[in-house]
Amino acid sequence: MNLQDIPKIKHTNANNFFLLCGPCAIEGEDMALRIAEKVVSITNKLEIPYVFKGSFKKANRSRVDSFTGIGDEKALKILKKVSETFDVPTVTDIHEISDAHLAAQFVDVLQIPAFLVRQTDLLVAAAETNKVINLKKGQFMSPESMKHAVQKIHDSGNNKAWITDRGTMFGYQDMIVDFRGIPTMRQYAPTVLDVTHSLQQPNQIAGVTGGRPDMIETIARAGIVNNVDGLFIETHFDPANAKSDGANMLHLDNLEKLLTNLVAIRKTVNSL
């Protein structure tokens, strides 16, 4: 997969990491456009190739009363409007075979959730849309095992795939990032570090996931130093009241300083 495979992607010659960034879930049109406008402004200023991220539905919830979405087609149309308004590509996650064809009509990149990345039929359905595919490494999988997920996409006639590491389960209620996995997975496909999900603290007792947003810059810096191709960061202008994953999202006001620091680190790494 090359960055140029992603429609509308900008700044591909900047020698920078690329960024997947946006809210966890699409909660409405106004919030999506507000977040996109801010991130587009920052990434254009810093010359970071950018893909707007937003889930059109949340199928993996701890409790049946958790927020799952505003309606599939309604949310997908908002993603399309973001793309058309700001001339940026978009990515959303799919959860079942029928989602692949539906979402492919509205977005540029299809994301396979970490818990589903071993589901062969889902990967084949995604690959057959000929969209770029983002494969999230299962929390329960080794970096080496992701070569098989990538191969499923390739064997389905699609060579446009990358891998995203979102941490590995540590005990029952924490995640760790094993940075040894980055060079391993980069042998199979471009590799992204999902900074915010790597800082989740799954709470199966209360059914509400916690997180460590204070560690976002620490993990992101380490990823850049270790040559990740891209970063995945969920952000919101009001994380405390976000309807999904607010506990580990970055406040939108803090994004520009973080990315400015990371671009400086990448320039240093590139010079070594």
C-alpha atoms as a PDB file:
ATOM      1  CA  MET A   1       0.000   0.000   0.000  1.00  0.00           C
ATOM      2  CA  ASN A   2       1.201   3.489  -0.896  1.00  0.00           C
ATOM      3  CA  LEU A   3      -0.246   6.684   0.508  1.00  0.00           C
ATOM      4  CA  GLN A   4      -1.139   7.631  -3.045  1.00  0.00           C
ATOM      5  CA  ASP A   5      -3.627   4.715  -3.015  1.00  0.00           C
ATOM      6  CA  ILE A   6      -5.835   6.786  -0.706  1.00  0.00           C
ATOM      7  CA  PRO A   7      -8.076   9.198  -2.638  1.00  0.00           C
ATOM      8  CA  LYS A   8      -7.740  12.898  -1.759  1.00  0.00           C
ATOM      9  CA  ILE A   9      -4.698  12.345   0.485  1.00  0.00           C
ATOM     10  CA  LYS A  10      -2.485  15.453   0.734  1.00  0.00           C
ATOM     11  CA  HIS A  11       1.156  16.181   1.621  1.00  0.00           C
ATOM     12  CA  THR A  12       2.434  12.787   0.490  1.00  0.00           C
ATOM     13  CA  ASN A  13       5.846  14.256  -0.335  1.00  0.00           C
ATOM     14  CA  ALA A  14       6.358  15.828   3.096  1.00  0.00           C
ATOM     15  CA  ASN A  15       8.263  12.791   4.415  1.00  0.00           C
ATOM     16  CA  ASN A  16       5.956  12.851   7.435  1.00  0.00           C
ATOM     17  CA  PHE A  17       3.923  10.218   9.243  1.00  0.00           C
ATOM     18  CA  PHE A  18       0.297  10.054   8.152  1.00  0.00           C
ATOM     19  CA  LEU A  19      -2.586  10.577  10.551  1.00  0.00           C
ATOM     20  CA  LEU A  20      -5.961   8.948  11.116  1.00  0.00           C
ATOM     21  CA  CYS A  21      -7.819  11.257  13.455  1.00  0.00           C
ATOM     22  CA  GLY A  22     -11.363  12.114  14.466  1.00  0.00           C
ATOM     23  CA  PRO A  23     -14.010  11.183  17.017  1.00  0.00           C
ATOM     24  CA  CYS A  24     -14.639   7.647  18.161  1.00  0.00           C
ATOM     25  CA  ALA A  25     -18.196   7.718  16.800  1.00  0.00           C
ATOM     26  CA  ILE A  26     -20.194  10.015  14.555  1.00  0.00           C
ATOM     27  CA  GLU A  27     -22.599  11.664  17.019  1.00  0.00           C
ATOM     28  CA  GLY A  28     -24.000  14.199  14.544  1.00  0.00           C
ATOM     29  CA  GLU A  29     -23.137  16.385  11.576  1.00  0.00           C
ATOM     30  CA  ASP A  30     -22.147  19.533  13.460  1.00  0.00           C
ATOM     31  CA  MET A  31     -19.676  17.757  15.739  1.00  0.00           C
ATOM     32  CA  ALA A  32     -18.092  15.860  12.851  1.00  0.00           C
ATOM     33  CA  LEU A  33     -17.623  18.993  10.743  1.00  0.00           C
ATOM     34  CA  ARG A  34     -16.292  20.951  13.722  1.00  0.00           C
ATOM     35  CA  ILE A  35     -13.659  18.334  14.519  1.00  0.00           C
ATOM     36  CA  ALA A  36     -12.718  17.835  10.875  1.00  0.00           C
ATOM     37  CA  GLU A  37     -12.296  21.556  10.253  1.00  0.00           C
ATOM     38  CA  LYS A  38      -9.855  21.864  13.161  1.00  0.00           C
ATOM     39  CA  VAL A  39      -7.798  18.789  12.275  1.00  0.00           C
ATOM     40  CA  VAL A  40      -7.646  19.695   8.576  1.00  0.00           C
ATOM     41  CA  SER A  41      -6.348  23.158   9.490  1.00  0.00           C
ATOM     42  CA  ILE A  42      -3.644  21.722  11.743  1.00  0.00           C
ATOM     43  CA  THR A  43      -2.522  18.984   9.348  1.00  0.00           C
ATOM     44  CA  ASN A  44      -2.351  21.380   6.401  1.00  0.00           C
ATOM     45  CA  LYS A  45      -0.201  23.731   8.489  1.00  0.00           C
ATOM     46  CA  LEU A  46       2.140  20.912   9.505  1.00  0.00           C
ATOM     47  CA  GLU A  47       1.995  19.084   6.138  1.00  0.00           C
ATOM     48  CA  ILE A  48       0.709  15.827   7.615  1.00  0.00           C
ATOM     49  CA  PRO A  49      -1.159  13.459   5.285  1.00  0.00           C
ATOM     50  CA  TYR A  50      -4.582  13.171   6.900  1.00  0.00           C
ATOM     51  CA  VAL A  51      -7.546  10.761   6.912  1.00  0.00           C
ATOM     52  CA  PHE A  52     -10.673  11.707   8.903  1.00  0.00           C
ATOM     53  CA  LYS A  53     -11.792   8.876  11.182  1.00  0.00           C
ATOM     54  CA  GLY A  54     -15.263   8.250  12.549  1.00  0.00           C
ATOM     55  CA  SER A  55     -17.243   5.097  13.328  1.00  0.00           C
ATOM     56  CA  PHE A  56     -20.649   5.002  11.670  1.00  0.00           C
ATOM     57  CA  LYS A  57     -21.781   2.506  14.292  1.00  0.00           C
ATOM     58  CA  LYS A  58     -20.286   0.895  17.382  1.00  0.00           C
ATOM     59  CA  ALA A  59     -21.006  -2.818  17.374  1.00  0.00           C
ATOM     60  CA  ASN A  60     -18.498  -3.771  20.081  1.00  0.00           C
ATOM     61  CA  ARG A  61     -20.026  -2.448  23.282  1.00  0.00           C
ATOM     62  CA  SER A  62     -19.744  -3.821  26.800  1.00  0.00           C
ATOM     63  CA  ARG A  63     -23.416  -3.221  27.623  1.00  0.00           C
ATOM     64  CA  VAL A  64     -26.616  -3.331  25.605  1.00  0.00           C
ATOM     65  CA  ASP A  65     -27.504   0.219  26.712  1.00  0.00           C
ATOM     66  CA  SER A  66     -24.222   1.699  25.418  1.00  0.00           C
ATOM     67  CA  PHE A  67     -24.357   4.184  22.531  1.00  0.00           C
ATOM     68  CA  THR A  68     -24.104   2.412  19.179  1.00  0.00           C
ATOM     69  CA  GLY A  69     -24.833   5.161  16.660  1.00  0.00           C
ATOM     70  CA  ILE A  70     -27.269   7.614  15.128  1.00  0.00           C
ATOM     71  CA  GLY A  71     -28.274   5.334  12.243  1.00  0.00           C
ATOM     72  CA  ASP A  72     -25.990   3.647   9.735  1.00  0.00           C
ATOM     73  CA  GLU A  73     -26.810   5.557   6.563  1.00  0.00           C
ATOM     74  CA  LYS A  74     -27.207   8.855   8.408  1.00  0.00           C
ATOM     75  CA  ALA A  75     -23.708   8.553   9.885  1.00  0.00           C
ATOM     76  CA  LEU A  76     -22.192   7.396   6.583  1.00  0.00           C
ATOM     77  CA  LYS A  77     -23.697  10.393   4.790  1.00  0.00           C
ATOM     78  CA  ILE A  78     -22.052  12.649   7.380  1.00  0.00           C
ATOM     79  CA  LEU A  79     -18.698  11.002   6.665  1.00  0.00           C
ATOM     80  CA  LYS A  80     -19.236  11.646   2.967  1.00  0.00           C
ATOM     81  CA  LYS A  81     -20.102  15.277   3.702  1.00  0.00           C
ATOM     82  CA  VAL A  82     -16.885  15.672   5.715  1.00  0.00           C
ATOM     83  CA  SER A  83     -14.929  14.325   2.753  1.00  0.00           C
ATOM     84  CA  GLU A  84     -16.652  16.608   0.262  1.00  0.00           C
ATOM     85  CA  THR A  85     -16.508  19.703   2.489  1.00  0.00           C
ATOM     86  CA  PHE A  86     -12.822  19.498   3.326  1.00  0.00           C
ATOM     87  CA  ASP A  87     -11.529  17.411   0.403  1.00  0.00           C
ATOM     88  CA  VAL A  88     -10.073  14.740   2.693  1.00  0.00           C
ATOM     89  CA  PRO A  89     -10.324  10.950   2.698  1.00  0.00           C
ATOM     90  CA  THR A  90     -12.342   9.171   5.384  1.00  0.00           C
ATOM     91  CA  VAL A  91     -12.121   5.868   7.243  1.00  0.00           C
ATOM     92  CA  THR A  92     -14.746   3.929   9.177  1.00  0.00           C
ATOM     93  CA  ASP A  93     -14.855   0.480  10.741  1.00  0.00           C
ATOM     94  CA  ILE A  94     -17.086  -2.357   9.562  1.00  0.00           C
ATOM     95  CA  HIS A  95     -18.357  -5.264  11.628  1.00  0.00           C
ATOM     96  CA  GLU A  96     -20.191  -7.649   9.314  1.00  0.00           C
ATOM     97  CA  ILE A  97     -20.034  -8.693   5.685  1.00  0.00           C
ATOM     98  CA  SER A  98     -22.968  -6.514   4.612  1.00  0.00           C
ATOM     99  CA  ASP A  99     -21.242  -3.435   6.076  1.00  0.00           C
ATOM    100  CA  ALA A 100     -18.422  -3.674   3.544  1.00  0.00           C
ATOM    101  CA  HIS A 101     -20.494  -2.896   0.463  1.00  0.00           C
ATOM    102  CA  LEU A 102     -22.588  -0.307   2.308  1.00  0.00           C
ATOM    103  CA  ALA A 103     -19.688   1.652   3.824  1.00  0.00           C
ATOM    104  CA  ALA A 104     -17.619   1.451   0.626  1.00  0.00           C
ATOM    105  CA  GLN A 105     -20.195   3.682  -1.068  1.00  0.00           C
ATOM    106  CA  PHE A 106     -19.399   6.523   1.355  1.00  0.00           C
ATOM    107  CA  VAL A 107     -15.788   6.258   2.601  1.00  0.00           C
ATOM    108  CA  ASP A 108     -12.287   5.733   1.203  1.00  0.00           C
ATOM    109  CA  VAL A 109     -10.789   3.329   3.758  1.00  0.00           C
ATOM    110  CA  LEU A 110     -12.476   0.361   5.459  1.00  0.00           C
ATOM    111  CA  GLN A 111     -11.206  -0.538   8.912  1.00  0.00           C
ATOM    112  CA  ILE A 112     -11.365  -4.044  10.360  1.00  0.00           C
ATOM    113  CA  PRO A 113     -11.764  -3.893  14.165  1.00  0.00           C
ATOM    114  CA  ALA A 114      -9.171  -5.648  16.290  1.00  0.00           C
ATOM    115  CA  PHE A 115     -11.609  -8.236  17.655  1.00  0.00           C
ATOM    116  CA  LEU A 116     -12.644  -9.182  14.098  1.00  0.00           C
ATOM    117  CA  VAL A 117      -9.344  -9.252  12.233  1.00  0.00           C
ATOM    118  CA  ARG A 118      -9.284 -13.081  12.130  1.00  0.00           C
ATOM    119  CA  GLN A 119     -12.749 -13.240  10.502  1.00  0.00           C
ATOM    120  CA  THR A 120     -11.835 -14.405   7.005  1.00  0.00           C
ATOM    121  CA  ASP A 121     -15.220 -13.725   5.386  1.00  0.00           C
ATOM    122  CA  LEU A 122     -15.219 -10.142   6.666  1.00  0.00           C
ATOM    123  CA  LEU A 123     -11.690  -9.493   5.384  1.00  0.00           C
ATOM    124  CA  VAL A 124     -12.503 -10.970   1.973  1.00  0.00           C
ATOM    125  CA  ALA A 125     -15.676  -8.876   1.704  1.00  0.00           C
ATOM    126  CA  ALA A 126     -13.712  -5.738   2.586  1.00  0.00           C
ATOM    127  CA  ALA A 127     -10.934  -6.558   0.132  1.00  0.00           C
ATOM    128  CA  GLU A 128     -13.409  -7.171  -2.698  1.00  0.00           C
ATOM    129  CA  THR A 129     -14.623  -3.547  -2.488  1.00  0.00           C
ATOM    130  CA  ASN A 130     -11.129  -2.562  -3.724  1.00  0.00           C
ATOM    131  CA  LYS A 131     -10.933   0.059  -0.988  1.00  0.00           C
ATOM    132  CA  VAL A 132      -7.823   0.597   1.132  1.00  0.00           C
ATOM    133  CA  ILE A 133      -8.078  -1.704   4.159  1.00  0.00           C
ATOM    134  CA  ASN A 134      -6.889  -0.867   7.682  1.00  0.00           C
ATOM    135  CA  LEU A 135      -6.316  -4.068   9.661  1.00  0.00           C
ATOM    136  CA  LYS A 136      -6.256  -3.498  13.413  1.00  0.00           C
ATOM    137  CA  LYS A 137      -4.098  -6.019  15.242  1.00  0.00           C
ATOM    138  CA  GLY A 138      -6.075  -8.071  17.723  1.00  0.00           C
ATOM    139  CA  GLN A 139      -5.211  -7.380  21.358  1.00  0.00           C
ATOM    140  CA  PHE A 140      -4.754 -11.143  21.632  1.00  0.00           C
ATOM    141  CA  MET A 141      -2.477 -11.560  18.602  1.00  0.00           C
ATOM    142  CA  SER A 142       1.262 -11.500  18.113  1.00  0.00           C
ATOM    143  CA  PRO A 143       2.767  -9.048  15.612  1.00  0.00           C
ATOM    144  CA  GLU A 144       3.941 -12.037  13.526  1.00  0.00           C
ATOM    145  CA  SER A 145       0.397 -13.371  13.135  1.00  0.00           C
ATOM    146  CA  MET A 146      -0.720 -10.209  11.333  1.00  0.00           C
ATOM    147  CA  LYS A 147       1.057 -11.355   8.182  1.00  0.00           C
ATOM    148  CA  HIS A 148      -1.806 -13.810   7.674  1.00  0.00           C
ATOM    149  CA  ALA A 149      -4.432 -11.055   7.867  1.00  0.00           C
ATOM    150  CA  VAL A 150      -2.510  -9.033   5.289  1.00  0.00           C
ATOM    151  CA  GLN A 151      -2.160 -12.102   3.087  1.00  0.00           C
ATOM    152  CA  LYS A 152      -5.943 -12.646   3.135  1.00  0.00           C
ATOM    153  CA  ILE A 153      -6.401  -9.164   1.673  1.00  0.00           C
ATOM    154  CA  HIS A 154      -3.727  -9.768  -0.965  1.00  0.00           C
ATOM    155  CA  ASP A 155      -5.117 -13.198  -1.846  1.00  0.00           C
ATOM    156  CA  SER A 156      -8.485 -11.528  -2.435  1.00  0.00           C
ATOM    157  CA  GLY A 157      -6.947  -9.377  -5.170  1.00  0.00           C
ATOM    158  CA  ASN A 158      -6.374  -6.236  -3.120  1.00  0.00           C
ATOM    159  CA  ASN A 159      -2.839  -5.000  -2.354  1.00  0.00           C
ATOM    160  CA  LYS A 160      -3.975  -1.867  -0.503  1.00  0.00           C
ATOM    161  CA  ALA A 161      -3.720  -2.782   3.176  1.00  0.00           C
ATOM    162  CA  TRP A 162      -1.953  -1.542   6.253  1.00  0.00           C
ATOM    163  CA  ILE A 163      -1.746  -2.727   9.875  1.00  0.00           C
ATOM    164  CA  THR A 164      -2.663  -0.760  12.988  1.00  0.00           C
ATOM    165  CA  ASP A 165      -1.338  -1.780  16.409  1.00  0.00           C
ATOM    166  CA  ARG A 166      -3.754  -0.902  19.201  1.00  0.00           C
ATOM    167  CA  GLY A 167      -1.877  -2.456  22.098  1.00  0.00           C
ATOM    168  CA  THR A 168      -1.866  -5.898  23.655  1.00  0.00           C
ATOM    169  CA  MET A 169      -3.927  -7.086  26.624  1.00  0.00           C
ATOM    170  CA  PHE A 170      -2.031  -6.962  29.898  1.00  0.00           C
ATOM    171  CA  GLY A 171      -3.933  -8.810  32.585  1.00  0.00           C
ATOM    172  CA  TYR A 172      -7.670  -8.190  32.435  1.00  0.00           C
ATOM    173  CA  GLN A 173      -7.977  -4.403  32.494  1.00  0.00           C
ATOM    174  CA  ASP A 174      -4.964  -2.799  30.847  1.00  0.00           C
ATOM    175  CA  MET A 175      -3.075  -2.503  27.571  1.00  0.00           C
ATOM    176  CA  ILE A 176       0.601  -2.316  26.740  1.00  0.00           C
ATOM    177  CA  VAL A 177       2.380  -1.376  23.513  1.00  0.00           C
ATOM    178  CA  ASP A 178       5.211  -3.724  22.601  1.00  0.00           C
ATOM    179  CA  PHE A 179       7.342  -1.561  20.338  1.00  0.00           C
ATOM    180  CA  ARG A 180       9.262  -4.630  19.178  1.00  0.00           C
ATOM    181  CA  GLY A 181       6.211  -5.373  17.050  1.00  0.00           C
ATOM    182  CA  ILE A 182       6.533  -2.275  14.870  1.00  0.00           C
ATOM    183  CA  PRO A 183       9.522  -3.373  12.755  1.00  0.00           C
ATOM    184  CA  THR A 184       8.023  -6.869  12.576  1.00  0.00           C
ATOM    185  CA  MET A 185       4.683  -5.698  11.190  1.00  0.00           C
ATOM    186  CA  ARG A 186       6.311  -3.198   8.840  1.00  0.00           C
ATOM    187  CA  GLN A 187       7.750  -6.224   7.010  1.00  0.00           C
ATOM    188  CA  TYR A 188       4.177  -7.121   6.010  1.00  0.00           C
ATOM    189  CA  ALA A 189       2.567  -3.719   5.413  1.00  0.00           C
ATOM    190  CA  PRO A 190       2.798  -0.046   6.433  1.00  0.00           C
ATOM    191  CA  THR A 191       2.160   0.113  10.163  1.00  0.00           C
ATOM    192  CA  VAL A 192       0.166   2.589  12.220  1.00  0.00           C
ATOM    193  CA  LEU A 193       0.169   3.024  15.994  1.00  0.00           C
ATOM    194  CA  ASP A 194      -3.272   3.551  17.518  1.00  0.00           C
ATOM    195  CA  VAL A 195      -2.219   5.797  20.368  1.00  0.00           C
ATOM    196  CA  THR A 196      -5.532   6.353  22.115  1.00  0.00           C
ATOM    197  CA  HIS A 197      -6.896   2.790  22.033  1.00  0.00           C
ATOM    198  CA  SER A 198      -3.525   1.553  23.279  1.00  0.00           C
ATOM    199  CA  LEU A 199      -4.264   3.543  26.423  1.00  0.00           C
ATOM    200  CA  GLN A 200      -7.660   2.026  27.080  1.00  0.00           C
ATOM    201  CA  GLN A 201      -8.335   0.280  30.370  1.00  0.00           C
ATOM    202  CA  PRO A 202     -11.197  -2.095  29.635  1.00  0.00           C
ATOM    203  CA  ASN A 203     -13.526  -2.378  32.626  1.00  0.00           C
ATOM    204  CA  GLN A 204     -15.689  -5.450  32.273  1.00  0.00           C
ATOM    205  CA  ILE A 205     -17.012  -5.089  35.835  1.00  0.00           C
ATOM    206  CA  ALA A 206     -18.747  -1.730  35.377  1.00  0.00           C
ATOM    207  CA  GLY A 207     -19.052  -2.101  31.600  1.00  0.00           C
ATOM    208  CA  VAL A 208     -17.472   1.308  30.977  1.00  0.00           C
ATOM    209  CA  THR A 209     -13.950   1.535  29.545  1.00  0.00           C
ATOM    210  CA  GLY A 210     -11.397   3.765  31.236  1.00  0.00           C
ATOM    211  CA  GLY A 211      -8.157   5.160  29.872  1.00  0.00           C
ATOM    212  CA  ARG A 212      -4.919   7.099  30.363  1.00  0.00           C
ATOM    213  CA  PRO A 213      -5.091  10.181  28.102  1.00  0.00           C
ATOM    214  CA  ASP A 214      -2.237  11.705  30.123  1.00  0.00           C
ATOM    215  CA  MET A 215       0.053   9.164  28.430  1.00  0.00           C
ATOM    216  CA  ILE A 216      -0.934  10.001  24.829  1.00  0.00           C
ATOM    217  CA  GLU A 217       2.165  12.049  24.052  1.00  0.00           C
ATOM    218  CA  THR A 218       4.457   9.481  25.685  1.00  0.00           C
ATOM    219  CA  ILE A 219       3.154   6.646  23.503  1.00  0.00           C
ATOM    220  CA  ALA A 220       2.954   8.778  20.358  1.00  0.00           C
ATOM    221  CA  ARG A 221       6.547   9.996  20.733  1.00  0.00           C
ATOM    222  CA  ALA A 222       7.782   6.437  21.172  1.00  0.00           C
ATOM    223  CA  GLY A 223       5.925   5.381  18.035  1.00  0.00           C
ATOM    224  CA  ILE A 224       7.483   8.132  15.958  1.00  0.00           C
ATOM    225  CA  VAL A 225      10.961   7.335  17.267  1.00  0.00           C
ATOM    226  CA  ASN A 226      10.401   3.709  16.285  1.00  0.00           C
ATOM    227  CA  ASN A 227       9.482   4.618  12.690  1.00  0.00           C
ATOM    228  CA  VAL A 228       5.750   3.956  12.557  1.00  0.00           C
ATOM    229  CA  ASP A 229       4.321   4.974   9.209  1.00  0.00           C
ATOM    230  CA  GLY A 230       1.242   6.549  10.744  1.00  0.00           C
ATOM    231  CA  LEU A 231      -0.591   7.451  13.924  1.00  0.00           C
ATOM    232  CA  PHE A 232      -4.218   6.890  14.900  1.00  0.00           C
ATOM    233  CA  ILE A 233      -5.576   9.384  17.444  1.00  0.00           C
ATOM    234  CA  GLU A 234      -9.174   9.836  18.521  1.00  0.00           C
ATOM    235  CA  THR A 235     -10.073  13.381  19.513  1.00  0.00           C
ATOM    236  CA  HIS A 236     -13.115  15.355  20.643  1.00  0.00           C
ATOM    237  CA  PHE A 237     -13.798  18.929  21.742  1.00  0.00           C
ATOM    238  CA  ASP A 238     -15.612  17.581  24.837  1.00  0.00           C
ATOM    239  CA  PRO A 239     -14.247  14.114  25.686  1.00  0.00           C
ATOM    240  CA  ALA A 240     -16.005  14.021  29.057  1.00  0.00           C
ATOM    241  CA  ASN A 241     -19.368  14.090  27.297  1.00  0.00           C
ATOM    242  CA  ALA A 242     -18.456  12.048  24.223  1.00  0.00           C
ATOM    243  CA  LYS A 243     -20.839   9.153  23.658  1.00  0.00           C
ATOM    244  CA  SER A 244     -18.079   6.598  23.153  1.00  0.00           C
ATOM    245  CA  ASP A 245     -14.494   6.158  24.434  1.00  0.00           C
ATOM    246  CA  GLY A 246     -14.316   9.605  26.016  1.00  0.00           C
ATOM    247  CA  ALA A 247     -12.002   8.333  28.755  1.00  0.00           C
ATOM    248  CA  ASN A 248      -9.051   7.830  26.417  1.00  0.00           C
ATOM    249  CA  MET A 249      -9.612  10.493  23.725  1.00  0.00           C
ATOM    250  CA  LEU A 250      -7.376  13.526  23.280  1.00  0.00           C
ATOM    251  CA  HIS A 251      -8.983  16.906  23.816  1.00  0.00           C
ATOM    252  CA  LEU A 252      -9.108  18.692  20.476  1.00  0.00           C
ATOM    253  CA  ASP A 253      -7.475  21.776  21.999  1.00  0.00           C
ATOM    254  CA  ASN A 254      -4.331  19.735  22.707  1.00  0.00           C
ATOM    255  CA  LEU A 255      -3.908  18.266  19.230  1.00  0.00           C
ATOM    256  CA  GLU A 256      -1.861  21.002  17.530  1.00  0.00           C
ATOM    257  CA  LYS A 257       0.854  21.100  20.185  1.00  0.00           C
ATOM    258  CA  LEU A 258       1.104  17.313  20.184  1.00  0.00           C
ATOM    259  CA  LEU A 259       1.399  17.075  16.401  1.00  0.00           C
ATOM    260  CA  THR A 260       3.882  19.956  16.268  1.00  0.00           C
ATOM    261  CA  ASN A 261       6.127  18.091  18.704  1.00  0.00           C
ATOM    262  CA  LEU A 262       5.752  14.825  16.798  1.00  0.00           C
ATOM    263  CA  VAL A 263       6.616  16.431  13.463  1.00  0.00           C
ATOM    264  CA  ALA A 264       9.781  17.845  15.037  1.00  0.00           C
ATOM    265  CA  ILE A 265      10.716  14.400  16.330  1.00  0.00           C
ATOM    266  CA  ARG A 266      10.055  12.814  12.936  1.00  0.00           C
ATOM    267  CA  LYS A 267      12.335  15.351  11.250  1.00  0.00           C
ATOM    268  CA  THR A 268      15.085  14.452  13.703  1.00  0.00           C
ATOM    269  CA  VAL A 269      14.562  10.715  13.144  1.00  0.00           C
ATOM    270  CA  ASN A 270      14.603  11.227   9.375  1.00  0.00           C
ATOM    271  CA  SER A 271      18.002  12.927   9.648  1.00  0.00           C
ATOM    272  CA  LEU A 272      19.647  10.024  11.460  1.00  0.00           C
END
